[in-house]
PDB file of all heavy atoms in Angstrom:
ATOM      1  N   ASP A   1      -5.213 -21.795 -13.953  1.00  0.00           N
ATOM      2  CA  ASP A   1      -5.023 -21.838 -12.488  1.00  0.00           C
ATOM      3  C   ASP A   1      -4.593 -20.508 -11.881  1.00  0.00           C
ATOM      4  O   ASP A   1      -4.882 -20.260 -10.745  1.00  0.00           O
ATOM      5  CB  ASP A   1      -4.133 -22.954 -12.078  1.00  0.00           C
ATOM      6  CG  ASP A   1      -4.268 -23.222 -10.566  1.00  0.00           C
ATOM      7  OD1 ASP A   1      -5.357 -23.700 -10.142  1.00  0.00           O
ATOM      8  OD2 ASP A   1      -3.328 -22.941  -9.847  1.00  0.00           O
ATOM      9  N   ALA A   2      -3.864 -19.796 -12.700  1.00  0.00           N
ATOM     10  CA  ALA A   2      -3.420 -18.447 -12.177  1.00  0.00           C
ATOM     11  C   ALA A   2      -4.555 -17.502 -11.976  1.00  0.00           C
ATOM     12  O   ALA A   2      -4.413 -16.479 -11.329  1.00  0.00           O
ATOM     13  CB  ALA A   2      -2.334 -17.834 -13.119  1.00  0.00           C
ATOM     14  N   VAL A   3      -5.613 -17.821 -12.599  1.00  0.00           N
ATOM     15  CA  VAL A   3      -6.892 -17.075 -12.333  1.00  0.00           C
ATOM     16  C   VAL A   3      -7.532 -17.584 -11.089  1.00  0.00           C
ATOM     17  O   VAL A   3      -7.966 -16.782 -10.212  1.00  0.00           O
ATOM     18  CB  VAL A   3      -7.844 -17.194 -13.550  1.00  0.00           C
ATOM     19  CG1 VAL A   3      -9.173 -16.510 -13.231  1.00  0.00           C
ATOM     20  CG2 VAL A   3      -7.253 -16.546 -14.788  1.00  0.00           C
ATOM     21  N   ILE A   4      -7.564 -18.888 -10.941  1.00  0.00           N
ATOM     22  CA  ILE A   4      -8.317 -19.506  -9.801  1.00  0.00           C
ATOM     23  C   ILE A   4      -7.568 -19.346  -8.502  1.00  0.00           C
ATOM     24  O   ILE A   4      -8.179 -18.974  -7.463  1.00  0.00           O
ATOM     25  CB  ILE A   4      -8.531 -21.007 -10.100  1.00  0.00           C
ATOM     26  CG1 ILE A   4      -9.399 -21.129 -11.382  1.00  0.00           C
ATOM     27  CG2 ILE A   4      -9.254 -21.661  -8.903  1.00  0.00           C
ATOM     28  CD1 ILE A   4     -10.769 -20.558 -11.327  1.00  0.00           C
ATOM     29  N   SER A   5      -6.280 -19.690  -8.454  1.00  0.00           N
ATOM     30  CA  SER A   5      -5.532 -19.688  -7.128  1.00  0.00           C
ATOM     31  C   SER A   5      -5.580 -18.305  -6.462  1.00  0.00           C
ATOM     32  O   SER A   5      -5.896 -18.244  -5.312  1.00  0.00           O
ATOM     33  CB  SER A   5      -4.108 -20.208  -7.383  1.00  0.00           C
ATOM     34  OG  SER A   5      -4.132 -21.606  -7.650  1.00  0.00           O
ATOM     35  N   PRO A   6      -5.059 -17.304  -7.098  1.00  0.00           N
ATOM     36  CA  PRO A   6      -5.122 -15.997  -6.414  1.00  0.00           C
ATOM     37  C   PRO A   6      -6.551 -15.538  -6.150  1.00  0.00           C
ATOM     38  O   PRO A   6      -6.765 -14.906  -5.061  1.00  0.00           O
ATOM     39  CB  PRO A   6      -4.451 -15.000  -7.423  1.00  0.00           C
ATOM     40  CG  PRO A   6      -3.650 -15.880  -8.342  1.00  0.00           C
ATOM     41  CD  PRO A   6      -4.409 -17.190  -8.422  1.00  0.00           C
ATOM     42  N   SER A   7      -7.468 -15.860  -6.984  1.00  0.00           N
ATOM     43  CA  SER A   7      -8.821 -15.422  -6.737  1.00  0.00           C
ATOM     44  C   SER A   7      -9.408 -16.149  -5.480  1.00  0.00           C
ATOM     45  O   SER A   7     -10.111 -15.501  -4.697  1.00  0.00           O
ATOM     46  CB  SER A   7      -9.720 -15.758  -7.975  1.00  0.00           C
ATOM     47  OG  SER A   7      -9.259 -15.013  -9.117  1.00  0.00           O
ATOM     48  N   GLY A   8      -9.064 -17.395  -5.342  1.00  0.00           N
ATOM     49  CA  GLY A   8      -9.613 -18.102  -4.185  1.00  0.00           C
ATOM     50  C   GLY A   8      -9.009 -17.544  -2.908  1.00  0.00           C
ATOM     51  O   GLY A   8      -9.752 -17.369  -1.898  1.00  0.00           O
ATOM     52  N   THR A   9      -7.736 -17.265  -2.910  1.00  0.00           N
ATOM     53  CA  THR A   9      -7.086 -16.684  -1.706  1.00  0.00           C
ATOM     54  C   THR A   9      -7.597 -15.256  -1.469  1.00  0.00           C
ATOM     55  O   THR A   9      -7.906 -14.874  -0.349  1.00  0.00           O
ATOM     56  CB  THR A   9      -5.594 -16.614  -1.909  1.00  0.00           C
ATOM     57  OG1 THR A   9      -5.155 -18.019  -2.126  1.00  0.00           O
ATOM     58  CG2 THR A   9      -4.877 -16.035  -0.704  1.00  0.00           C
ATOM     59  N   GLY A  10      -7.761 -14.446  -2.535  1.00  0.00           N
ATOM     60  CA  GLY A  10      -8.272 -13.133  -2.342  1.00  0.00           C
ATOM     61  C   GLY A  10      -9.672 -13.143  -1.766  1.00  0.00           C
ATOM     62  O   GLY A  10     -10.027 -12.279  -0.929  1.00  0.00           O
ATOM     63  N   ASN A  11     -10.474 -14.122  -2.204  1.00  0.00           N
ATOM     64  CA  ASN A  11     -11.859 -14.272  -1.629  1.00  0.00           C
ATOM     65  C   ASN A  11     -11.810 -14.507  -0.182  1.00  0.00           C
ATOM     66  O   ASN A  11     -12.576 -13.908   0.588  1.00  0.00           O
ATOM     67  CB  ASN A  11     -12.521 -15.405  -2.384  1.00  0.00           C
ATOM     68  CG  ASN A  11     -13.984 -15.575  -1.959  1.00  0.00           C
ATOM     69  OD1 ASN A  11     -14.668 -14.646  -1.658  1.00  0.00           O
ATOM     70  ND2 ASN A  11     -14.353 -16.842  -1.772  1.00  0.00           N
ATOM     71  N   VAL A  12     -10.920 -15.408   0.264  1.00  0.00           N
ATOM     72  CA  VAL A  12     -10.842 -15.759   1.671  1.00  0.00           C
ATOM     73  C   VAL A  12     -10.348 -14.574   2.506  1.00  0.00           C
ATOM     74  O   VAL A  12     -10.927 -14.236   3.546  1.00  0.00           O
ATOM     75  CB  VAL A  12      -9.876 -16.984   1.917  1.00  0.00           C
ATOM     76  CG1 VAL A  12      -9.694 -17.162   3.391  1.00  0.00           C
ATOM     77  CG2 VAL A  12     -10.465 -18.203   1.246  1.00  0.00           C
ATOM     78  N   TYR A  13      -9.379 -13.832   1.949  1.00  0.00           N
ATOM     79  CA  TYR A  13      -8.828 -12.686   2.737  1.00  0.00           C
ATOM     80  C   TYR A  13      -9.812 -11.540   2.754  1.00  0.00           C
ATOM     81  O   TYR A  13      -9.776 -10.726   3.733  1.00  0.00           O
ATOM     82  CB  TYR A  13      -7.482 -12.271   2.170  1.00  0.00           C
ATOM     83  CG  TYR A  13      -6.327 -12.977   2.833  1.00  0.00           C
ATOM     84  CD1 TYR A  13      -5.811 -14.156   2.283  1.00  0.00           C
ATOM     85  CD2 TYR A  13      -5.840 -12.456   4.017  1.00  0.00           C
ATOM     86  CE1 TYR A  13      -4.768 -14.818   2.925  1.00  0.00           C
ATOM     87  CE2 TYR A  13      -4.780 -13.108   4.621  1.00  0.00           C
ATOM     88  CZ  TYR A  13      -4.256 -14.286   4.111  1.00  0.00           C
ATOM     89  OH  TYR A  13      -3.203 -14.918   4.774  1.00  0.00           O
ATOM     90  N   MET A  14     -10.635 -11.387   1.722  1.00  0.00           N
ATOM     91  CA  MET A  14     -11.682 -10.377   1.805  1.00  0.00           C
ATOM     92  C   MET A  14     -12.618 -10.640   2.998  1.00  0.00           C
ATOM     93  O   MET A  14     -12.965  -9.729   3.749  1.00  0.00           O
ATOM     94  CB  MET A  14     -12.560 -10.370   0.548  1.00  0.00           C
ATOM     95  CG  MET A  14     -13.645  -9.374   0.486  1.00  0.00           C
ATOM     96  SD  MET A  14     -13.067  -7.672   0.452  1.00  0.00           S
ATOM     97  CE  MET A  14     -12.518  -7.624  -1.255  1.00  0.00           C
ATOM     98  N   ALA A  15     -12.944 -11.911   3.199  1.00  0.00           N
ATOM     99  CA  ALA A  15     -13.782 -12.300   4.367  1.00  0.00           C
ATOM    100  C   ALA A  15     -13.024 -12.095   5.672  1.00  0.00           C
ATOM    101  O   ALA A  15     -13.522 -11.616   6.614  1.00  0.00           O
ATOM    102  CB  ALA A  15     -14.231 -13.712   4.218  1.00  0.00           C
ATOM    103  N   GLY A  16     -11.747 -12.530   5.648  1.00  0.00           N
ATOM    104  CA  GLY A  16     -10.919 -12.379   6.829  1.00  0.00           C
ATOM    105  C   GLY A  16     -10.705 -10.947   7.258  1.00  0.00           C
ATOM    106  O   GLY A  16     -10.736 -10.612   8.466  1.00  0.00           O
ATOM    107  N   THR A  17     -10.534 -10.021   6.345  1.00  0.00           N
ATOM    108  CA  THR A  17     -10.389  -8.565   6.620  1.00  0.00           C
ATOM    109  C   THR A  17     -11.593  -8.104   7.409  1.00  0.00           C
ATOM    110  O   THR A  17     -11.517  -7.328   8.345  1.00  0.00           O
ATOM    111  CB  THR A  17     -10.158  -7.762   5.363  1.00  0.00           C
ATOM    112  OG1 THR A  17      -9.036  -8.270   4.675  1.00  0.00           O
ATOM    113  CG2 THR A  17      -9.890  -6.319   5.736  1.00  0.00           C
ATOM    114  N   ALA A  18     -12.801  -8.496   6.902  1.00  0.00           N
ATOM    115  CA  ALA A  18     -14.038  -8.078   7.609  1.00  0.00           C
ATOM    116  C   ALA A  18     -14.054  -8.571   9.005  1.00  0.00           C
ATOM    117  O   ALA A  18     -14.515  -7.791   9.941  1.00  0.00           O
ATOM    118  CB  ALA A  18     -15.237  -8.618   6.727  1.00  0.00           C
ATOM    119  N   ARG A  19     -13.580  -9.801   9.283  1.00  0.00           N
ATOM    120  CA  ARG A  19     -13.609 -10.304  10.639  1.00  0.00           C
ATOM    121  C   ARG A  19     -12.598  -9.537  11.518  1.00  0.00           C
ATOM    122  O   ARG A  19     -12.857  -9.332  12.707  1.00  0.00           O
ATOM    123  CB  ARG A  19     -13.270 -11.816  10.670  1.00  0.00           C
ATOM    124  CG  ARG A  19     -14.426 -12.706  10.532  1.00  0.00           C
ATOM    125  CD  ARG A  19     -15.063 -12.677   9.138  1.00  0.00           C
ATOM    126  NE  ARG A  19     -16.157 -13.597   8.963  1.00  0.00           N
ATOM    127  CZ  ARG A  19     -16.877 -13.664   7.830  1.00  0.00           C
ATOM    128  NH1 ARG A  19     -16.548 -12.833   6.810  1.00  0.00           N
ATOM    129  NH2 ARG A  19     -17.897 -14.510   7.720  1.00  0.00           N
ATOM    130  N   VAL A  20     -11.500  -9.151  10.976  1.00  0.00           N
ATOM    131  CA  VAL A  20     -10.482  -8.334  11.693  1.00  0.00           C
ATOM    132  C   VAL A  20     -11.050  -6.985  12.081  1.00  0.00           C
ATOM    133  O   VAL A  20     -10.940  -6.527  13.227  1.00  0.00           O
ATOM    134  CB  VAL A  20      -9.187  -8.224  10.913  1.00  0.00           C
ATOM    135  CG1 VAL A  20      -8.315  -7.192  11.560  1.00  0.00           C
ATOM    136  CG2 VAL A  20      -8.477  -9.551  10.848  1.00  0.00           C
ATOM    137  N   LEU A  21     -11.663  -6.312  11.126  1.00  0.00           N
ATOM    138  CA  LEU A  21     -12.312  -4.979  11.417  1.00  0.00           C
ATOM    139  C   LEU A  21     -13.431  -5.152  12.419  1.00  0.00           C
ATOM    140  O   LEU A  21     -13.630  -4.309  13.260  1.00  0.00           O
ATOM    141  CB  LEU A  21     -12.784  -4.427  10.146  1.00  0.00           C
ATOM    142  CG  LEU A  21     -11.721  -4.053   9.071  1.00  0.00           C
ATOM    143  CD1 LEU A  21     -12.360  -3.594   7.759  1.00  0.00           C
ATOM    144  CD2 LEU A  21     -10.858  -2.902   9.617  1.00  0.00           C
ATOM    145  N   PHE A  22     -14.192  -6.243  12.292  1.00  0.00           N
ATOM    146  CA  PHE A  22     -15.281  -6.496  13.280  1.00  0.00           C
ATOM    147  C   PHE A  22     -14.629  -6.623  14.674  1.00  0.00           C
ATOM    148  O   PHE A  22     -15.163  -6.030  15.622  1.00  0.00           O
ATOM    149  CB  PHE A  22     -15.984  -7.786  12.903  1.00  0.00           C
ATOM    150  CG  PHE A  22     -16.889  -8.332  14.001  1.00  0.00           C
ATOM    151  CD1 PHE A  22     -18.186  -7.928  14.109  1.00  0.00           C
ATOM    152  CD2 PHE A  22     -16.376  -9.271  14.889  1.00  0.00           C
ATOM    153  CE1 PHE A  22     -18.987  -8.414  15.087  1.00  0.00           C
ATOM    154  CE2 PHE A  22     -17.187  -9.820  15.853  1.00  0.00           C
ATOM    155  CZ  PHE A  22     -18.464  -9.368  16.022  1.00  0.00           C
ATOM    156  N   ALA A  23     -13.587  -7.448  14.801  1.00  0.00           N
ATOM    157  CA  ALA A  23     -12.947  -7.601  16.097  1.00  0.00           C
ATOM    158  C   ALA A  23     -12.399  -6.328  16.676  1.00  0.00           C
ATOM    159  O   ALA A  23     -12.536  -6.094  17.887  1.00  0.00           O
ATOM    160  CB  ALA A  23     -11.804  -8.638  15.917  1.00  0.00           C
ATOM    161  N   TRP A  24     -11.877  -5.491  15.842  1.00  0.00           N
ATOM    162  CA  TRP A  24     -11.326  -4.172  16.293  1.00  0.00           C
ATOM    163  C   TRP A  24     -12.460  -3.316  16.853  1.00  0.00           C
ATOM    164  O   TRP A  24     -12.338  -2.746  17.870  1.00  0.00           O
ATOM    165  CB  TRP A  24     -10.702  -3.524  15.095  1.00  0.00           C
ATOM    166  CG  TRP A  24      -9.465  -2.736  15.407  1.00  0.00           C
ATOM    167  CD1 TRP A  24      -8.741  -2.799  16.569  1.00  0.00           C
ATOM    168  CD2 TRP A  24      -8.792  -1.781  14.578  1.00  0.00           C
ATOM    169  NE1 TRP A  24      -7.597  -2.002  16.461  1.00  0.00           N
ATOM    170  CE2 TRP A  24      -7.664  -1.370  15.251  1.00  0.00           C
ATOM    171  CE3 TRP A  24      -9.090  -1.301  13.300  1.00  0.00           C
ATOM    172  CZ2 TRP A  24      -6.804  -0.384  14.673  1.00  0.00           C
ATOM    173  CZ3 TRP A  24      -8.231  -0.374  12.811  1.00  0.00           C
ATOM    174  CH2 TRP A  24      -7.086   0.079  13.432  1.00  0.00           C
ATOM    175  N   ALA A  25     -13.556  -3.246  16.099  1.00  0.00           N
ATOM    176  CA  ALA A  25     -14.704  -2.464  16.535  1.00  0.00           C
ATOM    177  C   ALA A  25     -15.356  -3.058  17.756  1.00  0.00           C
ATOM    178  O   ALA A  25     -15.838  -2.374  18.665  1.00  0.00           O
ATOM    179  CB  ALA A  25     -15.722  -2.364  15.389  1.00  0.00           C
ATOM    180  N   LYS A  26     -15.352  -4.398  17.840  1.00  0.00           N
ATOM    181  CA  LYS A  26     -15.948  -5.130  19.004  1.00  0.00           C
ATOM    182  C   LYS A  26     -15.362  -4.733  20.340  1.00  0.00           C
ATOM    183  O   LYS A  26     -16.032  -4.693  21.360  1.00  0.00           O
ATOM    184  CB  LYS A  26     -15.831  -6.624  18.764  1.00  0.00           C
ATOM    185  CG  LYS A  26     -16.687  -7.476  19.632  1.00  0.00           C
ATOM    186  CD  LYS A  26     -18.141  -7.362  19.337  1.00  0.00           C
ATOM    187  CE  LYS A  26     -18.930  -8.350  20.182  1.00  0.00           C
ATOM    188  NZ  LYS A  26     -20.340  -8.172  19.920  1.00  0.00           N
ATOM    189  N   LYS A  27     -14.076  -4.384  20.336  1.00  0.00           N
ATOM    190  CA  LYS A  27     -13.414  -4.038  21.547  1.00  0.00           C
ATOM    191  C   LYS A  27     -13.515  -2.516  21.880  1.00  0.00           C
ATOM    192  O   LYS A  27     -12.850  -2.031  22.798  1.00  0.00           O
ATOM    193  CB  LYS A  27     -11.934  -4.408  21.491  1.00  0.00           C
ATOM    194  CG  LYS A  27     -11.734  -5.931  21.467  1.00  0.00           C
ATOM    195  CD  LYS A  27     -12.296  -6.621  22.679  1.00  0.00           C
ATOM    196  CE  LYS A  27     -11.602  -6.256  23.960  1.00  0.00           C
ATOM    197  NZ  LYS A  27     -12.201  -6.932  25.145  1.00  0.00           N
ATOM    198  N   GLY A  28     -14.296  -1.789  21.079  1.00  0.00           N
ATOM    199  CA  GLY A  28     -14.545  -0.382  21.385  1.00  0.00           C
ATOM    200  C   GLY A  28     -13.488   0.564  20.968  1.00  0.00           C
ATOM    201  O   GLY A  28     -13.460   1.706  21.445  1.00  0.00           O
ATOM    202  N   ILE A  29     -12.568   0.188  20.113  1.00  0.00           N
ATOM    203  CA  ILE A  29     -11.486   1.125  19.727  1.00  0.00           C
ATOM    204  C   ILE A  29     -11.587   1.342  18.248  1.00  0.00           C
ATOM    205  O   ILE A  29     -10.589   1.692  17.570  1.00  0.00           O
ATOM    206  CB  ILE A  29     -10.103   0.602  20.108  1.00  0.00           C
ATOM    207  CG1 ILE A  29      -9.876  -0.863  19.661  1.00  0.00           C
ATOM    208  CG2 ILE A  29      -9.891   0.763  21.644  1.00  0.00           C
ATOM    209  CD1 ILE A  29      -8.506  -1.412  19.997  1.00  0.00           C
ATOM    210  N   PHE A  30     -12.745   1.149  17.625  1.00  0.00           N
ATOM    211  CA  PHE A  30     -12.988   1.412  16.224  1.00  0.00           C
ATOM    212  C   PHE A  30     -14.501   1.762  16.070  1.00  0.00           C
ATOM    213  O   PHE A  30     -15.262   1.380  17.023  1.00  0.00           O
ATOM    214  CB  PHE A  30     -12.535   0.347  15.304  1.00  0.00           C
ATOM    215  CG  PHE A  30     -12.265   0.786  13.893  1.00  0.00           C
ATOM    216  CD1 PHE A  30     -11.552   1.944  13.636  1.00  0.00           C
ATOM    217  CD2 PHE A  30     -12.770   0.013  12.853  1.00  0.00           C
ATOM    218  CE1 PHE A  30     -11.273   2.306  12.296  1.00  0.00           C
ATOM    219  CE2 PHE A  30     -12.506   0.392  11.497  1.00  0.00           C
ATOM    220  CZ  PHE A  30     -11.789   1.562  11.263  1.00  0.00           C
ATOM    221  N   TYR A  31     -14.953   2.277  14.995  1.00  0.00           N
ATOM    222  CA  TYR A  31     -16.300   2.644  14.893  1.00  0.00           C
ATOM    223  C   TYR A  31     -17.225   1.467  15.079  1.00  0.00           C
ATOM    224  O   TYR A  31     -17.058   0.394  14.521  1.00  0.00           O
ATOM    225  CB  TYR A  31     -16.581   3.322  13.505  1.00  0.00           C
ATOM    226  CG  TYR A  31     -15.926   4.643  13.308  1.00  0.00           C
ATOM    227  CD1 TYR A  31     -14.734   4.756  12.483  1.00  0.00           C
ATOM    228  CD2 TYR A  31     -16.363   5.772  13.963  1.00  0.00           C
ATOM    229  CE1 TYR A  31     -14.103   5.960  12.301  1.00  0.00           C
ATOM    230  CE2 TYR A  31     -15.712   6.975  13.781  1.00  0.00           C
ATOM    231  CZ  TYR A  31     -14.597   7.080  12.987  1.00  0.00           C
ATOM    232  OH  TYR A  31     -13.943   8.275  12.812  1.00  0.00           O
ATOM    233  N   SER A  32     -18.275   1.681  15.909  1.00  0.00           N
ATOM    234  CA  SER A  32     -19.197   0.560  16.270  1.00  0.00           C
ATOM    235  C   SER A  32     -19.958  -0.042  15.132  1.00  0.00           C
ATOM    236  O   SER A  32     -20.340  -1.231  15.212  1.00  0.00           O
ATOM    237  CB  SER A  32     -20.168   1.072  17.373  1.00  0.00           C
ATOM    238  OG  SER A  32     -20.976   2.082  16.835  1.00  0.00           O
ATOM    239  N   ILE A  33     -20.158   0.704  14.061  1.00  0.00           N
ATOM    240  CA  ILE A  33     -20.920   0.165  12.935  1.00  0.00           C
ATOM    241  C   ILE A  33     -20.172  -1.047  12.305  1.00  0.00           C
ATOM    242  O   ILE A  33     -20.870  -1.933  11.759  1.00  0.00           O
ATOM    243  CB  ILE A  33     -21.158   1.283  11.882  1.00  0.00           C
ATOM    244  CG1 ILE A  33     -22.119   0.784  10.816  1.00  0.00           C
ATOM    245  CG2 ILE A  33     -19.847   1.678  11.211  1.00  0.00           C
ATOM    246  CD1 ILE A  33     -22.535   1.796   9.788  1.00  0.00           C
ATOM    247  N   PHE A  34     -18.867  -1.095  12.457  1.00  0.00           N
ATOM    248  CA  PHE A  34     -18.147  -2.213  11.912  1.00  0.00           C
ATOM    249  C   PHE A  34     -18.150  -3.415  12.852  1.00  0.00           C
ATOM    250  O   PHE A  34     -17.576  -4.449  12.485  1.00  0.00           O
ATOM    251  CB  PHE A  34     -16.685  -1.776  11.608  1.00  0.00           C
ATOM    252  CG  PHE A  34     -16.588  -0.684  10.642  1.00  0.00           C
ATOM    253  CD1 PHE A  34     -16.046   0.539  10.996  1.00  0.00           C
ATOM    254  CD2 PHE A  34     -17.184  -0.767   9.386  1.00  0.00           C
ATOM    255  CE1 PHE A  34     -15.978   1.586  10.088  1.00  0.00           C
ATOM    256  CE2 PHE A  34     -17.114   0.303   8.452  1.00  0.00           C
ATOM    257  CZ  PHE A  34     -16.503   1.462   8.813  1.00  0.00           C
ATOM    258  N   GLY A  35     -18.774  -3.305  14.044  1.00  0.00           N
ATOM    259  CA  GLY A  35     -18.884  -4.383  14.983  1.00  0.00           C
ATOM    260  C   GLY A  35     -20.223  -5.045  15.015  1.00  0.00           C
ATOM    261  O   GLY A  35     -20.551  -5.763  15.948  1.00  0.00           O
ATOM    262  N   LYS A  36     -21.025  -4.791  13.978  1.00  0.00           N
ATOM    263  CA  LYS A  36     -22.389  -5.333  13.932  1.00  0.00           C
ATOM    264  C   LYS A  36     -22.440  -6.423  12.866  1.00  0.00           C
ATOM    265  O   LYS A  36     -21.753  -6.369  11.812  1.00  0.00           O
ATOM    266  CB  LYS A  36     -23.379  -4.237  13.568  1.00  0.00           C
ATOM    267  CG  LYS A  36     -23.506  -3.116  14.641  1.00  0.00           C
ATOM    268  CD  LYS A  36     -24.548  -2.107  14.246  1.00  0.00           C
ATOM    269  CE  LYS A  36     -24.633  -0.979  15.326  1.00  0.00           C
ATOM    270  NZ  LYS A  36     -25.029  -1.522  16.618  1.00  0.00           N
ATOM    271  N   VAL A  37     -23.245  -7.480  13.126  1.00  0.00           N
ATOM    272  CA  VAL A  37     -23.396  -8.615  12.233  1.00  0.00           C
ATOM    273  C   VAL A  37     -24.850  -8.655  11.756  1.00  0.00           C
ATOM    274  O   VAL A  37     -25.771  -8.496  12.540  1.00  0.00           O
ATOM    275  CB  VAL A  37     -22.989  -9.863  12.920  1.00  0.00           C
ATOM    276  CG1 VAL A  37     -23.329 -11.125  12.005  1.00  0.00           C
ATOM    277  CG2 VAL A  37     -21.550  -9.856  13.306  1.00  0.00           C
ATOM    278  N   ASN A  38     -25.064  -8.823  10.470  1.00  0.00           N
ATOM    279  CA  ASN A  38     -26.397  -8.987   9.940  1.00  0.00           C
ATOM    280  C   ASN A  38     -27.025 -10.229  10.484  1.00  0.00           C
ATOM    281  O   ASN A  38     -26.484 -11.335  10.365  1.00  0.00           O
ATOM    282  CB  ASN A  38     -26.325  -9.016   8.404  1.00  0.00           C
ATOM    283  CG  ASN A  38     -27.678  -9.087   7.768  1.00  0.00           C
ATOM    284  OD1 ASN A  38     -28.215 -10.133   7.571  1.00  0.00           O
ATOM    285  ND2 ASN A  38     -28.200  -7.926   7.424  1.00  0.00           N
ATOM    286  N   ALA A  39     -28.238 -10.111  11.023  1.00  0.00           N
ATOM    287  CA  ALA A  39     -28.885 -11.192  11.680  1.00  0.00           C
ATOM    288  C   ALA A  39     -29.257 -12.338  10.723  1.00  0.00           C
ATOM    289  O   ALA A  39     -29.164 -13.515  11.104  1.00  0.00           O
ATOM    290  CB  ALA A  39     -30.182 -10.721  12.413  1.00  0.00           C
TER     291      ALA A  39
END
């Protein structure tokens, strides 16, 4: 489980980090390429 538990949380936070960077770029105070979503 020490393999599964941290891995599951790390997986979620990898996704969450991308959303945070997206939000930062979305407001025009970070590079716009990070504010785009694949259709």
